[in-house]
């Protein structure tokens, strides 16, 4: 217990200067990832998803209010909890489909109020309850494409993607940022491959978020994979966990 508390204290100390330096850098995020209270499964996912680089793009600060949207089991929400610190707030946001998908992981992650600065929101897709003008930032990781996927048998009815994105934009403060990570589809396919391959075209995504009022600001290649020809379903064992993924940063004017 003493070692765990000491390690947690070191994490907080490592992040203490984030606000004065403009937000969490990759080394700051790695300090959060080193927290021994994190699960082994999360540590294994770190190697695939590189959250140190992805979240460094956003430069979230201690004290920020941020959201992990369509979070599932809350992997990113826990990392964000460490970045924003005890005076910050994280909204872990799910609709019914993602709540069901992440139920077991959420029960373990939130047990015993182990993440006291995380608020768990679960509501209908059209009314997620994030509020208006409250978020300094948000992330949507590998779930944006599901706005264009329909499977009634799996509990995923057709989503009004535009209305969903408008909710996200309204929840952001002016100047707030959104990080989007998703499985890349072939050029020219738009949102069509979301239905069959769980992929979405990068240029379609940029146009989509711009249409709903966000400025595309940056991208990083940390999760690109030229060996992925983008013809396989992302759950195909040959490519699962190794898909070509885009990482974008958007900002609300």
C-alpha atoms as a PDB file:
ATOM      1  CA  UNK A   1       0.000   0.000   0.000  1.00  0.00           C
ATOM      2  CA  UNK A   2       2.780   2.446   0.912  1.00  0.00           C
ATOM      3  CA  UNK A   3       4.534   1.757  -2.403  1.00  0.00           C
ATOM      4  CA  UNK A   4       1.310   2.335  -4.314  1.00  0.00           C
ATOM      5  CA  UNK A   5       0.694   5.637  -2.536  1.00  0.00           C
ATOM      6  CA  UNK A   6       4.277   6.708  -3.137  1.00  0.00           C
ATOM      7  CA  UNK A   7       4.012   5.919  -6.832  1.00  0.00           C
ATOM      8  CA  UNK A   8       0.737   7.819  -7.069  1.00  0.00           C
ATOM      9  CA  UNK A   9       2.396  10.798  -5.359  1.00  0.00           C
ATOM     10  CA  UNK A  10       5.203  10.698  -7.895  1.00  0.00           C
ATOM     11  CA  UNK A  11       2.663  10.743 -10.716  1.00  0.00           C
ATOM     12  CA  UNK A  12       1.063  13.870  -9.252  1.00  0.00           C
ATOM     13  CA  UNK A  13       4.441  15.488  -8.762  1.00  0.00           C
ATOM     14  CA  UNK A  14       5.460  14.727 -12.334  1.00  0.00           C
ATOM     15  CA  UNK A  15       2.343  16.451 -13.609  1.00  0.00           C
ATOM     16  CA  UNK A  16       2.422  19.425 -11.274  1.00  0.00           C
ATOM     17  CA  UNK A  17       3.913  21.707 -13.892  1.00  0.00           C
ATOM     18  CA  UNK A  18       1.541  20.845 -16.740  1.00  0.00           C
ATOM     19  CA  UNK A  19      -0.583  23.974 -16.437  1.00  0.00           C
ATOM     20  CA  UNK A  20       2.423  26.274 -16.588  1.00  0.00           C
ATOM     21  CA  UNK A  21       3.942  24.492 -19.584  1.00  0.00           C
ATOM     22  CA  UNK A  22       0.772  24.452 -21.672  1.00  0.00           C
ATOM     23  CA  UNK A  23      -0.518  20.982 -20.882  1.00  0.00           C
ATOM     24  CA  UNK A  24       0.518  17.372 -20.533  1.00  0.00           C
ATOM     25  CA  UNK A  25       3.407  16.270 -22.737  1.00  0.00           C
ATOM     26  CA  UNK A  26       4.085  12.655 -23.733  1.00  0.00           C
ATOM     27  CA  UNK A  27       6.417  12.267 -20.755  1.00  0.00           C
ATOM     28  CA  UNK A  28       3.706  13.607 -18.442  1.00  0.00           C
ATOM     29  CA  UNK A  29       1.240  11.072 -19.822  1.00  0.00           C
ATOM     30  CA  UNK A  30       3.805   8.283 -19.418  1.00  0.00           C
ATOM     31  CA  UNK A  31       4.030   9.200 -15.732  1.00  0.00           C
ATOM     32  CA  UNK A  32       0.283   8.581 -15.467  1.00  0.00           C
ATOM     33  CA  UNK A  33       0.623   5.305 -17.355  1.00  0.00           C
ATOM     34  CA  UNK A  34       3.230   4.170 -14.831  1.00  0.00           C
ATOM     35  CA  UNK A  35       0.734   4.297 -11.959  1.00  0.00           C
ATOM     36  CA  UNK A  36       0.837   0.784 -10.383  1.00  0.00           C
ATOM     37  CA  UNK A  37      -2.903   0.954  -9.711  1.00  0.00           C
ATOM     38  CA  UNK A  38      -3.563   0.472 -13.443  1.00  0.00           C
ATOM     39  CA  UNK A  39      -4.481  -3.014 -14.647  1.00  0.00           C
ATOM     40  CA  UNK A  40      -2.234  -5.341 -16.615  1.00  0.00           C
ATOM     41  CA  UNK A  41      -4.781  -5.369 -19.447  1.00  0.00           C
ATOM     42  CA  UNK A  42      -4.540  -1.579 -19.713  1.00  0.00           C
ATOM     43  CA  UNK A  43      -0.747  -1.739 -19.757  1.00  0.00           C
ATOM     44  CA  UNK A  44      -0.886  -4.215 -22.637  1.00  0.00           C
ATOM     45  CA  UNK A  45      -3.257  -1.951 -24.522  1.00  0.00           C
ATOM     46  CA  UNK A  46      -0.839   0.956 -24.038  1.00  0.00           C
ATOM     47  CA  UNK A  47       1.607  -0.789 -26.371  1.00  0.00           C
ATOM     48  CA  UNK A  48      -0.994  -0.956 -29.143  1.00  0.00           C
ATOM     49  CA  UNK A  49      -2.680   2.414 -28.687  1.00  0.00           C
ATOM     50  CA  UNK A  50       0.210   4.718 -27.659  1.00  0.00           C
ATOM     51  CA  UNK A  51      -1.882   7.008 -25.426  1.00  0.00           C
ATOM     52  CA  UNK A  52       1.282   8.870 -24.416  1.00  0.00           C
ATOM     53  CA  UNK A  53       1.511  10.302 -27.939  1.00  0.00           C
ATOM     54  CA  UNK A  54      -2.217  10.504 -28.650  1.00  0.00           C
ATOM     55  CA  UNK A  55      -3.052  12.494 -25.517  1.00  0.00           C
ATOM     56  CA  UNK A  56       0.050  14.677 -25.761  1.00  0.00           C
ATOM     57  CA  UNK A  57      -1.553  16.046 -28.934  1.00  0.00           C
ATOM     58  CA  UNK A  58      -4.405  17.518 -26.856  1.00  0.00           C
ATOM     59  CA  UNK A  59      -2.207  19.135 -24.147  1.00  0.00           C
ATOM     60  CA  UNK A  60      -4.859  18.650 -21.472  1.00  0.00           C
ATOM     61  CA  UNK A  61      -4.026  20.416 -18.202  1.00  0.00           C
ATOM     62  CA  UNK A  62      -4.548  19.748 -14.542  1.00  0.00           C
ATOM     63  CA  UNK A  63      -7.915  21.112 -13.504  1.00  0.00           C
ATOM     64  CA  UNK A  64      -9.453  20.627 -16.956  1.00  0.00           C
ATOM     65  CA  UNK A  65     -12.894  19.121 -17.504  1.00  0.00           C
ATOM     66  CA  UNK A  66     -12.706  16.523 -20.273  1.00  0.00           C
ATOM     67  CA  UNK A  67     -14.864  13.726 -21.671  1.00  0.00           C
ATOM     68  CA  UNK A  68     -14.172  10.228 -22.938  1.00  0.00           C
ATOM     69  CA  UNK A  69     -17.091   9.860 -25.357  1.00  0.00           C
ATOM     70  CA  UNK A  70     -18.401   6.371 -26.225  1.00  0.00           C
ATOM     71  CA  UNK A  71     -15.858   5.185 -23.715  1.00  0.00           C
ATOM     72  CA  UNK A  72     -16.930   1.546 -23.383  1.00  0.00           C
ATOM     73  CA  UNK A  73     -14.923   0.127 -20.493  1.00  0.00           C
ATOM     74  CA  UNK A  74     -13.250   3.433 -19.629  1.00  0.00           C
ATOM     75  CA  UNK A  75      -9.631   2.819 -20.644  1.00  0.00           C
ATOM     76  CA  UNK A  76      -9.052   6.406 -21.738  1.00  0.00           C
ATOM     77  CA  UNK A  77     -11.182   7.831 -18.934  1.00  0.00           C
ATOM     78  CA  UNK A  78      -8.786   6.412 -16.340  1.00  0.00           C
ATOM     79  CA  UNK A  79      -5.749   7.908 -18.068  1.00  0.00           C
ATOM     80  CA  UNK A  80      -7.495  11.270 -18.371  1.00  0.00           C
ATOM     81  CA  UNK A  81      -8.327  11.072 -14.667  1.00  0.00           C
ATOM     82  CA  UNK A  82      -4.625  11.051 -13.874  1.00  0.00           C
ATOM     83  CA  UNK A  83      -3.839  13.864 -16.300  1.00  0.00           C
ATOM     84  CA  UNK A  84      -6.435  16.360 -15.069  1.00  0.00           C
ATOM     85  CA  UNK A  85      -5.814  15.525 -11.395  1.00  0.00           C
ATOM     86  CA  UNK A  86      -8.066  15.811  -8.344  1.00  0.00           C
ATOM     87  CA  UNK A  87      -9.215  19.326  -9.219  1.00  0.00           C
ATOM     88  CA  UNK A  88     -10.145  18.254 -12.737  1.00  0.00           C
ATOM     89  CA  UNK A  89     -13.132  16.263 -13.908  1.00  0.00           C
ATOM     90  CA  UNK A  90     -13.611  13.458 -16.417  1.00  0.00           C
ATOM     91  CA  UNK A  91     -16.973  12.554 -17.934  1.00  0.00           C
ATOM     92  CA  UNK A  92     -17.059   8.872 -18.901  1.00  0.00           C
ATOM     93  CA  UNK A  93     -19.849   8.942 -21.482  1.00  0.00           C
ATOM     94  CA  UNK A  94     -21.659   5.936 -22.946  1.00  0.00           C
ATOM     95  CA  UNK A  95     -24.841   5.345 -24.893  1.00  0.00           C
ATOM     96  CA  UNK A  96     -26.729   2.045 -24.309  1.00  0.00           C
ATOM     97  CA  UNK A  97     -24.655   0.092 -26.832  1.00  0.00           C
ATOM     98  CA  UNK A  98     -21.286   1.139 -25.443  1.00  0.00           C
ATOM     99  CA  UNK A  99     -22.544   0.789 -21.870  1.00  0.00           C
ATOM    100  CA  UNK A 100     -23.453  -2.850 -22.530  1.00  0.00           C
ATOM    101  CA  UNK A 101     -20.162  -3.481 -24.321  1.00  0.00           C
ATOM    102  CA  UNK A 102     -18.113  -2.052 -21.466  1.00  0.00           C
ATOM    103  CA  UNK A 103     -20.177  -3.225 -18.479  1.00  0.00           C
ATOM    104  CA  UNK A 104     -17.677  -5.716 -17.019  1.00  0.00           C
ATOM    105  CA  UNK A 105     -14.699  -3.432 -17.490  1.00  0.00           C
ATOM    106  CA  UNK A 106     -16.544  -0.486 -15.991  1.00  0.00           C
ATOM    107  CA  UNK A 107     -17.544  -2.426 -12.898  1.00  0.00           C
ATOM    108  CA  UNK A 108     -13.888  -3.203 -12.197  1.00  0.00           C
ATOM    109  CA  UNK A 109     -12.563   0.228 -13.160  1.00  0.00           C
ATOM    110  CA  UNK A 110     -14.995   2.231 -11.044  1.00  0.00           C
ATOM    111  CA  UNK A 111     -15.246  -0.147  -8.074  1.00  0.00           C
ATOM    112  CA  UNK A 112     -14.791   1.415  -4.647  1.00  0.00           C
ATOM    113  CA  UNK A 113     -14.766   4.960  -6.063  1.00  0.00           C
ATOM    114  CA  UNK A 114     -11.178   4.392  -7.184  1.00  0.00           C
ATOM    115  CA  UNK A 115     -11.464   7.257  -9.698  1.00  0.00           C
ATOM    116  CA  UNK A 116     -13.215   9.958  -7.669  1.00  0.00           C
ATOM    117  CA  UNK A 117     -12.845  12.651 -10.331  1.00  0.00           C
ATOM    118  CA  UNK A 118     -14.632  10.511 -12.963  1.00  0.00           C
ATOM    119  CA  UNK A 119     -18.385  10.973 -13.463  1.00  0.00           C
ATOM    120  CA  UNK A 120     -20.077   8.093 -15.265  1.00  0.00           C
ATOM    121  CA  UNK A 121     -22.803   9.230 -17.688  1.00  0.00           C
ATOM    122  CA  UNK A 122     -24.974   6.698 -19.499  1.00  0.00           C
ATOM    123  CA  UNK A 123     -27.890   7.932 -21.540  1.00  0.00           C
ATOM    124  CA  UNK A 124     -29.655   7.702 -24.882  1.00  0.00           C
ATOM    125  CA  UNK A 125     -27.560   8.520 -27.913  1.00  0.00           C
ATOM    126  CA  UNK A 126     -29.584  11.636 -28.636  1.00  0.00           C
ATOM    127  CA  UNK A 127     -29.280  12.984 -25.071  1.00  0.00           C
ATOM    128  CA  UNK A 128     -25.944  12.071 -23.499  1.00  0.00           C
ATOM    129  CA  UNK A 129     -26.178  14.756 -20.820  1.00  0.00           C
ATOM    130  CA  UNK A 130     -22.755  16.355 -21.246  1.00  0.00           C
ATOM    131  CA  UNK A 131     -24.055  19.904 -20.910  1.00  0.00           C
ATOM    132  CA  UNK A 132     -23.164  22.985 -22.942  1.00  0.00           C
ATOM    133  CA  UNK A 133     -19.892  24.904 -22.946  1.00  0.00           C
ATOM    134  CA  UNK A 134     -18.433  22.842 -20.099  1.00  0.00           C
ATOM    135  CA  UNK A 135     -15.637  20.784 -21.669  1.00  0.00           C
ATOM    136  CA  UNK A 136     -12.049  21.900 -22.124  1.00  0.00           C
ATOM    137  CA  UNK A 137     -11.620  18.841 -24.314  1.00  0.00           C
ATOM    138  CA  UNK A 138     -12.807  15.390 -25.275  1.00  0.00           C
ATOM    139  CA  UNK A 139     -11.696  12.194 -26.969  1.00  0.00           C
ATOM    140  CA  UNK A 140     -13.563   9.816 -29.276  1.00  0.00           C
ATOM    141  CA  UNK A 141     -11.403   6.744 -29.758  1.00  0.00           C
ATOM    142  CA  UNK A 142     -12.264   3.989 -32.269  1.00  0.00           C
ATOM    143  CA  UNK A 143     -15.970   4.714 -31.955  1.00  0.00           C
ATOM    144  CA  UNK A 144     -16.692   7.613 -34.335  1.00  0.00           C
ATOM    145  CA  UNK A 145     -17.253   5.149 -37.192  1.00  0.00           C
ATOM    146  CA  UNK A 146     -20.090   3.532 -35.212  1.00  0.00           C
ATOM    147  CA  UNK A 147     -22.190   6.630 -35.834  1.00  0.00           C
ATOM    148  CA  UNK A 148     -22.499   5.211 -39.358  1.00  0.00           C
ATOM    149  CA  UNK A 149     -22.980   1.543 -38.419  1.00  0.00           C
ATOM    150  CA  UNK A 150     -26.395  -0.086 -37.979  1.00  0.00           C
ATOM    151  CA  UNK A 151     -27.106  -3.491 -36.430  1.00  0.00           C
ATOM    152  CA  UNK A 152     -30.480  -3.755 -34.727  1.00  0.00           C
ATOM    153  CA  UNK A 153     -29.808  -7.351 -33.609  1.00  0.00           C
ATOM    154  CA  UNK A 154     -26.689  -6.197 -31.764  1.00  0.00           C
ATOM    155  CA  UNK A 155     -28.575  -3.388 -30.069  1.00  0.00           C
ATOM    156  CA  UNK A 156     -27.243  -0.633 -32.320  1.00  0.00           C
ATOM    157  CA  UNK A 157     -30.057   1.199 -34.123  1.00  0.00           C
ATOM    158  CA  UNK A 158     -29.421   3.881 -36.716  1.00  0.00           C
ATOM    159  CA  UNK A 159     -27.798   6.937 -35.162  1.00  0.00           C
ATOM    160  CA  UNK A 160     -28.380  10.529 -36.221  1.00  0.00           C
ATOM    161  CA  UNK A 161     -24.670  11.243 -36.655  1.00  0.00           C
ATOM    162  CA  UNK A 162     -25.138  14.953 -37.184  1.00  0.00           C
ATOM    163  CA  UNK A 163     -27.195  15.381 -34.035  1.00  0.00           C
ATOM    164  CA  UNK A 164     -24.593  13.379 -32.094  1.00  0.00           C
ATOM    165  CA  UNK A 165     -21.719  15.548 -33.311  1.00  0.00           C
ATOM    166  CA  UNK A 166     -23.698  18.700 -32.565  1.00  0.00           C
ATOM    167  CA  UNK A 167     -23.999  17.502 -28.943  1.00  0.00           C
ATOM    168  CA  UNK A 168     -20.235  17.117 -28.744  1.00  0.00           C
ATOM    169  CA  UNK A 169     -19.592  20.565 -30.218  1.00  0.00           C
ATOM    170  CA  UNK A 170     -22.111  22.211 -27.883  1.00  0.00           C
ATOM    171  CA  UNK A 171     -20.462  20.573 -24.869  1.00  0.00           C
ATOM    172  CA  UNK A 172     -17.046  22.034 -25.758  1.00  0.00           C
ATOM    173  CA  UNK A 173     -16.016  25.470 -24.584  1.00  0.00           C
ATOM    174  CA  UNK A 174     -14.770  27.922 -27.223  1.00  0.00           C
ATOM    175  CA  UNK A 175     -11.169  26.882 -27.799  1.00  0.00           C
ATOM    176  CA  UNK A 176     -11.876  23.364 -26.538  1.00  0.00           C
ATOM    177  CA  UNK A 177     -10.237  20.461 -28.349  1.00  0.00           C
ATOM    178  CA  UNK A 178     -11.376  17.063 -29.577  1.00  0.00           C
ATOM    179  CA  UNK A 179      -9.044  14.128 -30.267  1.00  0.00           C
ATOM    180  CA  UNK A 180     -10.423  11.559 -32.701  1.00  0.00           C
ATOM    181  CA  UNK A 181      -8.790   8.188 -33.362  1.00  0.00           C
ATOM    182  CA  UNK A 182     -10.299   5.705 -35.786  1.00  0.00           C
ATOM    183  CA  UNK A 183      -9.667   2.842 -38.179  1.00  0.00           C
ATOM    184  CA  UNK A 184      -8.853   4.218 -41.619  1.00  0.00           C
ATOM    185  CA  UNK A 185     -10.830   3.184 -44.706  1.00  0.00           C
ATOM    186  CA  UNK A 186      -9.701   3.424 -48.318  1.00  0.00           C
ATOM    187  CA  UNK A 187      -9.819   6.824 -49.995  1.00  0.00           C
ATOM    188  CA  UNK A 188     -13.146   7.646 -51.578  1.00  0.00           C
ATOM    189  CA  UNK A 189     -15.225   5.274 -49.448  1.00  0.00           C
ATOM    190  CA  UNK A 190     -16.660   7.925 -47.134  1.00  0.00           C
ATOM    191  CA  UNK A 191     -18.630   6.265 -44.358  1.00  0.00           C
ATOM    192  CA  UNK A 192     -19.649   3.166 -46.357  1.00  0.00           C
ATOM    193  CA  UNK A 193     -17.031   0.833 -44.875  1.00  0.00           C
ATOM    194  CA  UNK A 194     -18.278   1.566 -41.362  1.00  0.00           C
ATOM    195  CA  UNK A 195     -21.073  -0.929 -42.003  1.00  0.00           C
ATOM    196  CA  UNK A 196     -18.935  -3.788 -43.309  1.00  0.00           C
ATOM    197  CA  UNK A 197     -15.407  -3.225 -42.000  1.00  0.00           C
ATOM    198  CA  UNK A 198     -15.823  -0.839 -39.011  1.00  0.00           C
ATOM    199  CA  UNK A 199     -13.628   1.694 -40.798  1.00  0.00           C
ATOM    200  CA  UNK A 200     -14.154   5.273 -41.947  1.00  0.00           C
ATOM    201  CA  UNK A 201     -12.342   7.422 -44.493  1.00  0.00           C
ATOM    202  CA  UNK A 202     -10.003  10.015 -43.017  1.00  0.00           C
ATOM    203  CA  UNK A 203     -10.981  12.846 -45.391  1.00  0.00           C
ATOM    204  CA  UNK A 204     -14.654  12.131 -44.771  1.00  0.00           C
ATOM    205  CA  UNK A 205     -14.010  12.520 -41.052  1.00  0.00           C
ATOM    206  CA  UNK A 206     -12.285  15.881 -41.499  1.00  0.00           C
ATOM    207  CA  UNK A 207     -15.165  17.188 -43.628  1.00  0.00           C
ATOM    208  CA  UNK A 208     -17.731  15.796 -41.187  1.00  0.00           C
ATOM    209  CA  UNK A 209     -16.293  17.510 -38.126  1.00  0.00           C
ATOM    210  CA  UNK A 210     -15.752  20.744 -40.039  1.00  0.00           C
ATOM    211  CA  UNK A 211     -19.380  20.674 -41.151  1.00  0.00           C
ATOM    212  CA  UNK A 212     -20.400  20.623 -37.513  1.00  0.00           C
ATOM    213  CA  UNK A 213     -18.285  23.581 -36.517  1.00  0.00           C
ATOM    214  CA  UNK A 214     -14.839  22.266 -35.568  1.00  0.00           C
ATOM    215  CA  UNK A 215     -11.538  23.271 -37.139  1.00  0.00           C
ATOM    216  CA  UNK A 216      -9.128  20.490 -38.083  1.00  0.00           C
ATOM    217  CA  UNK A 217      -5.854  21.459 -36.467  1.00  0.00           C
ATOM    218  CA  UNK A 218      -3.345  18.617 -36.557  1.00  0.00           C
ATOM    219  CA  UNK A 219      -2.690  14.929 -37.129  1.00  0.00           C
ATOM    220  CA  UNK A 220       0.072  12.594 -36.000  1.00  0.00           C
ATOM    221  CA  UNK A 221       1.172   9.347 -37.713  1.00  0.00           C
ATOM    222  CA  UNK A 222       1.873   7.368 -34.533  1.00  0.00           C
ATOM    223  CA  UNK A 223      -0.806   4.713 -35.303  1.00  0.00           C
ATOM    224  CA  UNK A 224      -0.390   4.487 -39.079  1.00  0.00           C
ATOM    225  CA  UNK A 225       0.332   1.053 -40.546  1.00  0.00           C
ATOM    226  CA  UNK A 226       1.188   0.858 -44.240  1.00  0.00           C
ATOM    227  CA  UNK A 227       0.967  -2.958 -44.063  1.00  0.00           C
ATOM    228  CA  UNK A 228      -2.797  -2.649 -43.527  1.00  0.00           C
ATOM    229  CA  UNK A 229      -4.374  -2.455 -46.993  1.00  0.00           C
ATOM    230  CA  UNK A 230      -7.668  -1.440 -45.330  1.00  0.00           C
ATOM    231  CA  UNK A 231      -9.629  -4.258 -47.006  1.00  0.00           C
ATOM    232  CA  UNK A 232     -10.195  -6.355 -43.873  1.00  0.00           C
ATOM    233  CA  UNK A 233     -12.695  -5.995 -41.067  1.00  0.00           C
ATOM    234  CA  UNK A 234     -10.912  -4.541 -38.040  1.00  0.00           C
ATOM    235  CA  UNK A 235     -11.834  -7.662 -36.030  1.00  0.00           C
ATOM    236  CA  UNK A 236     -10.101  -9.973 -38.528  1.00  0.00           C
ATOM    237  CA  UNK A 237      -7.357 -11.798 -36.550  1.00  0.00           C
ATOM    238  CA  UNK A 238      -4.851 -10.934 -39.268  1.00  0.00           C
ATOM    239  CA  UNK A 239      -5.118  -7.213 -38.527  1.00  0.00           C
ATOM    240  CA  UNK A 240      -6.881  -6.809 -35.181  1.00  0.00           C
ATOM    241  CA  UNK A 241      -4.970  -4.397 -32.954  1.00  0.00           C
ATOM    242  CA  UNK A 242      -2.724  -3.417 -35.880  1.00  0.00           C
ATOM    243  CA  UNK A 243      -5.050  -1.463 -38.148  1.00  0.00           C
ATOM    244  CA  UNK A 244      -4.037   1.705 -39.926  1.00  0.00           C
ATOM    245  CA  UNK A 245      -5.491   4.436 -37.698  1.00  0.00           C
ATOM    246  CA  UNK A 246      -5.658   8.199 -38.047  1.00  0.00           C
ATOM    247  CA  UNK A 247      -5.214  10.509 -35.059  1.00  0.00           C
ATOM    248  CA  UNK A 248      -6.747  13.973 -35.434  1.00  0.00           C
ATOM    249  CA  UNK A 249      -6.977  17.083 -33.306  1.00  0.00           C
ATOM    250  CA  UNK A 250      -9.950  19.438 -33.785  1.00  0.00           C
ATOM    251  CA  UNK A 251     -10.669  22.720 -32.061  1.00  0.00           C
ATOM    252  CA  UNK A 252     -13.866  24.663 -31.463  1.00  0.00           C
ATOM    253  CA  UNK A 253     -13.430  28.277 -32.604  1.00  0.00           C
END
